[in-house]
């Protein structure tokens, strides 16, 4: 049995962007969706690792050959942050259940600095169950960087091989396995229960 269970946030406990969220961001940007989203994701890692929002959105605009006004950038930040604040209630209940069992829980999330206070204000009631919250914007590295996994294990006071890591991204899971973590791609809450019990 793993000494610590480390969860990814988005796509596991928190929901990914809904179609409505995506459309709201596209309306705010006012540009062609395909090149916009290519730039949005291609340039996201530095933003996750602490890059200021203004620099990130300037880089997105430059990549697609446009300029966003200051007002547009503020609106994009607001729409973007809003799109990442919903959670899966079943997974939240599972986190609370594991905490009640005395399990040591860690969170390792690629998350931008602007979102952290918003997310914590909305979801602090269950985030308190985690021994450590390892946010990429705070630790300066984003998954699948090896150092991100080392940091969360160090903060939990366990060796990587003593961690069960759950993430919805196969690349992140493979990186965790390379470090020695037992890691699996998230499918469903019942899958997590089975993994935790093994």
Protein backbone atom coordinates (compact mmCIF):
# COMPACT_ATOMS: atom_id res chain seq x y z
CA UNK A 1 0.00 0.00 0.00
CA UNK A 2 1.32 3.44 -0.96
CA UNK A 3 2.37 5.70 1.91
CA UNK A 4 1.12 8.76 0.02
CA UNK A 5 -1.43 9.35 -2.72
CA UNK A 6 -0.64 12.22 -5.07
CA UNK A 7 -3.41 13.62 -7.24
CA UNK A 8 -3.32 15.80 -10.29
CA UNK A 9 -6.00 18.51 -10.11
CA UNK A 10 -7.48 19.32 -13.52
CA UNK A 11 -9.06 16.39 -15.27
CA UNK A 12 -9.03 14.34 -12.07
CA UNK A 13 -10.60 16.32 -9.21
CA UNK A 14 -11.29 19.57 -11.00
CA UNK A 15 -13.12 19.68 -14.29
CA UNK A 16 -11.52 20.65 -17.56
CA UNK A 17 -12.94 23.51 -19.61
CA UNK A 18 -16.53 23.07 -20.72
CA UNK A 19 -17.62 23.86 -24.31
CA UNK A 20 -19.33 26.96 -22.91
CA UNK A 21 -16.07 28.07 -21.28
CA UNK A 22 -14.20 27.53 -24.54
CA UNK A 23 -16.70 29.59 -26.51
CA UNK A 24 -16.56 32.40 -23.95
CA UNK A 25 -12.77 32.59 -24.24
CA UNK A 26 -12.97 32.52 -28.04
CA UNK A 27 -15.48 35.39 -28.05
CA UNK A 28 -13.20 37.38 -25.77
CA UNK A 29 -10.12 36.78 -27.91
CA UNK A 30 -11.98 37.64 -31.12
CA UNK A 31 -9.61 35.64 -33.33
CA UNK A 32 -9.76 32.39 -35.29
CA UNK A 33 -10.16 29.51 -32.81
CA UNK A 34 -7.70 27.02 -34.30
CA UNK A 35 -4.52 29.13 -34.18
CA UNK A 36 -5.64 30.65 -30.88
CA UNK A 37 -5.91 27.30 -29.09
CA UNK A 38 -2.70 26.03 -30.66
CA UNK A 39 -0.90 29.03 -29.18
CA UNK A 40 -2.81 28.83 -25.89
CA UNK A 41 -1.60 25.29 -25.21
CA UNK A 42 1.82 25.47 -26.86
CA UNK A 43 2.84 28.42 -24.66
CA UNK A 44 1.16 27.29 -21.45
CA UNK A 45 4.06 25.61 -19.66
CA UNK A 46 5.95 28.84 -18.76
CA UNK A 47 2.66 30.36 -17.57
CA UNK A 48 2.05 27.30 -15.39
CA UNK A 49 5.58 27.67 -14.01
CA UNK A 50 5.04 31.27 -12.88
CA UNK A 51 5.18 33.52 -15.96
CA UNK A 52 3.06 36.68 -15.45
CA UNK A 53 -0.29 36.64 -17.23
CA UNK A 54 0.49 39.74 -19.30
CA UNK A 55 3.62 38.08 -20.71
CA UNK A 56 1.75 34.87 -21.49
CA UNK A 57 -1.07 36.60 -23.37
CA UNK A 58 1.41 38.81 -25.22
CA UNK A 59 3.21 35.65 -26.35
CA UNK A 60 -0.09 34.10 -27.49
CA UNK A 61 -0.96 37.23 -29.45
CA UNK A 62 2.49 37.39 -31.02
CA UNK A 63 2.32 33.75 -32.08
CA UNK A 64 -0.95 34.28 -33.94
CA UNK A 65 0.05 37.67 -35.32
CA UNK A 66 -2.33 39.95 -33.41
CA UNK A 67 -2.22 42.39 -30.51
CA UNK A 68 -4.52 42.19 -27.50
CA UNK A 69 -5.42 45.46 -25.78
CA UNK A 70 -4.95 45.71 -22.03
CA UNK A 71 -8.73 45.46 -21.63
CA UNK A 72 -8.82 42.31 -23.75
CA UNK A 73 -6.02 40.75 -21.71
CA UNK A 74 -7.89 41.47 -18.48
CA UNK A 75 -11.03 39.92 -19.96
CA UNK A 76 -9.08 36.89 -21.20
CA UNK A 77 -7.56 36.34 -17.78
CA UNK A 78 -11.00 36.54 -16.18
CA UNK A 79 -12.61 34.16 -18.68
CA UNK A 80 -9.65 31.78 -18.51
CA UNK A 81 -9.63 31.66 -14.71
CA UNK A 82 -13.40 31.10 -14.60
CA UNK A 83 -13.03 28.13 -16.94
CA UNK A 84 -10.85 26.24 -14.45
CA UNK A 85 -12.86 26.53 -11.20
CA UNK A 86 -15.40 23.67 -11.42
CA UNK A 87 -14.89 20.30 -9.72
CA UNK A 88 -16.19 16.74 -9.82
CA UNK A 89 -18.24 16.34 -6.63
CA UNK A 90 -17.70 12.56 -6.58
CA UNK A 91 -13.93 13.01 -6.60
CA UNK A 92 -14.13 15.68 -3.92
CA UNK A 93 -16.08 13.22 -1.76
CA UNK A 94 -13.42 10.56 -2.43
CA UNK A 95 -10.66 12.93 -1.29
CA UNK A 96 -12.58 13.56 1.93
CA UNK A 97 -13.12 9.82 2.36
CA UNK A 98 -9.40 9.06 1.98
CA UNK A 99 -8.50 11.84 4.41
CA UNK A 100 -10.93 10.41 6.96
CA UNK A 101 -9.12 7.08 6.61
CA UNK A 102 -5.90 8.82 7.62
CA UNK A 103 -4.30 8.60 4.19
CA UNK A 104 -1.50 11.06 3.37
CA UNK A 105 -2.57 13.10 0.35
CA UNK A 106 -0.61 15.38 -1.95
CA UNK A 107 -1.67 17.55 -4.87
CA UNK A 108 0.66 18.15 -7.82
CA UNK A 109 -0.92 20.56 -10.28
CA UNK A 110 0.12 22.58 -13.28
CA UNK A 111 -1.72 25.76 -12.40
CA UNK A 112 -1.18 29.46 -13.10
CA UNK A 113 -0.58 31.91 -10.26
CA UNK A 114 -3.70 33.97 -11.01
CA UNK A 115 -5.92 30.95 -10.49
CA UNK A 116 -4.54 29.76 -7.13
CA UNK A 117 -6.26 32.33 -4.85
CA UNK A 118 -9.52 32.02 -6.80
CA UNK A 119 -9.51 28.24 -6.62
CA UNK A 120 -8.49 28.13 -2.96
CA UNK A 121 -11.18 30.64 -1.98
CA UNK A 122 -13.81 28.51 -3.67
CA UNK A 123 -12.55 25.07 -2.66
CA UNK A 124 -10.58 25.53 0.55
CA UNK A 125 -12.95 23.25 2.45
CA UNK A 126 -11.58 20.12 0.76
CA UNK A 127 -8.12 21.35 -0.24
CA UNK A 128 -7.30 21.34 3.50
CA UNK A 129 -7.24 17.53 3.31
CA UNK A 130 -3.94 17.66 1.40
CA UNK A 131 -0.69 17.55 3.35
CA UNK A 132 0.96 19.51 0.55
CA UNK A 133 -0.29 21.56 -2.37
CA UNK A 134 2.51 21.55 -4.94
CA UNK A 135 1.50 24.15 -7.51
CA UNK A 136 3.70 24.52 -10.58
CA UNK A 137 3.54 28.31 -10.36
CA UNK A 138 4.96 28.14 -6.82
CA UNK A 139 7.58 25.42 -7.27
CA UNK A 140 8.84 26.87 -10.56
CA UNK A 141 8.51 23.69 -12.61
CA UNK A 142 5.58 22.03 -14.35
CA UNK A 143 4.84 18.39 -15.04
CA UNK A 144 6.26 16.37 -16.70
CA UNK A 145 9.51 17.92 -15.41
CA UNK A 146 11.15 15.34 -13.13
CA UNK A 147 11.78 17.94 -10.44
CA UNK A 148 8.04 18.51 -9.94
CA UNK A 149 7.58 14.91 -8.79
CA UNK A 150 10.66 15.04 -6.60
CA UNK A 151 9.39 18.16 -4.86
CA UNK A 152 5.97 16.74 -4.00
CA UNK A 153 7.55 13.54 -2.65
CA UNK A 154 10.04 15.55 -0.58
CA UNK A 155 7.25 17.69 0.87
CA UNK A 156 5.28 14.57 1.77
CA UNK A 157 8.34 13.07 3.45
CA UNK A 158 8.30 9.92 1.34
CA UNK A 159 10.38 8.36 -1.40
CA UNK A 160 8.92 8.56 -4.93
CA UNK A 161 8.49 4.75 -4.93
CA UNK A 162 6.17 5.12 -1.93
CA UNK A 163 3.75 7.34 -3.87
CA UNK A 164 0.68 6.45 -5.89
CA UNK A 165 0.25 9.17 -8.52
CA UNK A 166 -3.01 9.75 -10.42
CA UNK A 167 -3.13 12.05 -13.47
CA UNK A 168 -5.33 12.26 -16.57
CA UNK A 169 -2.33 12.92 -18.83
CA UNK A 170 -0.37 9.86 -19.94
CA UNK A 171 2.80 11.90 -20.49
CA UNK A 172 2.71 13.00 -16.85
CA UNK A 173 2.06 9.45 -15.70
CA UNK A 174 5.00 8.07 -17.67
CA UNK A 175 7.28 10.76 -16.23
CA UNK A 176 6.21 9.80 -12.71
CA UNK A 177 6.91 6.14 -13.44
CA UNK A 178 10.40 7.00 -14.66
CA UNK A 179 11.09 8.45 -11.21
CA UNK A 180 9.82 5.29 -9.56
CA UNK A 181 6.30 6.30 -8.60
CA UNK A 182 3.42 3.91 -9.04
CA UNK A 183 1.38 5.97 -11.48
CA UNK A 184 -1.83 5.47 -13.41
CA UNK A 185 -3.92 7.41 -15.90
CA UNK A 186 -7.16 8.52 -14.26
CA UNK A 187 -10.34 6.91 -15.59
CA UNK A 188 -12.98 7.04 -12.85
CA UNK A 189 -13.44 7.37 -9.07
CA UNK A 190 -13.98 3.60 -8.66
CA UNK A 191 -10.67 2.98 -10.41
CA UNK A 192 -8.95 5.21 -7.82
CA UNK A 193 -10.58 3.27 -4.96
CA UNK A 194 -9.24 0.03 -6.43
CA UNK A 195 -5.75 1.47 -6.86
CA UNK A 196 -5.66 2.85 -3.33
CA UNK A 197 -6.71 -0.48 -1.86
CA UNK A 198 -4.10 -2.48 -3.76
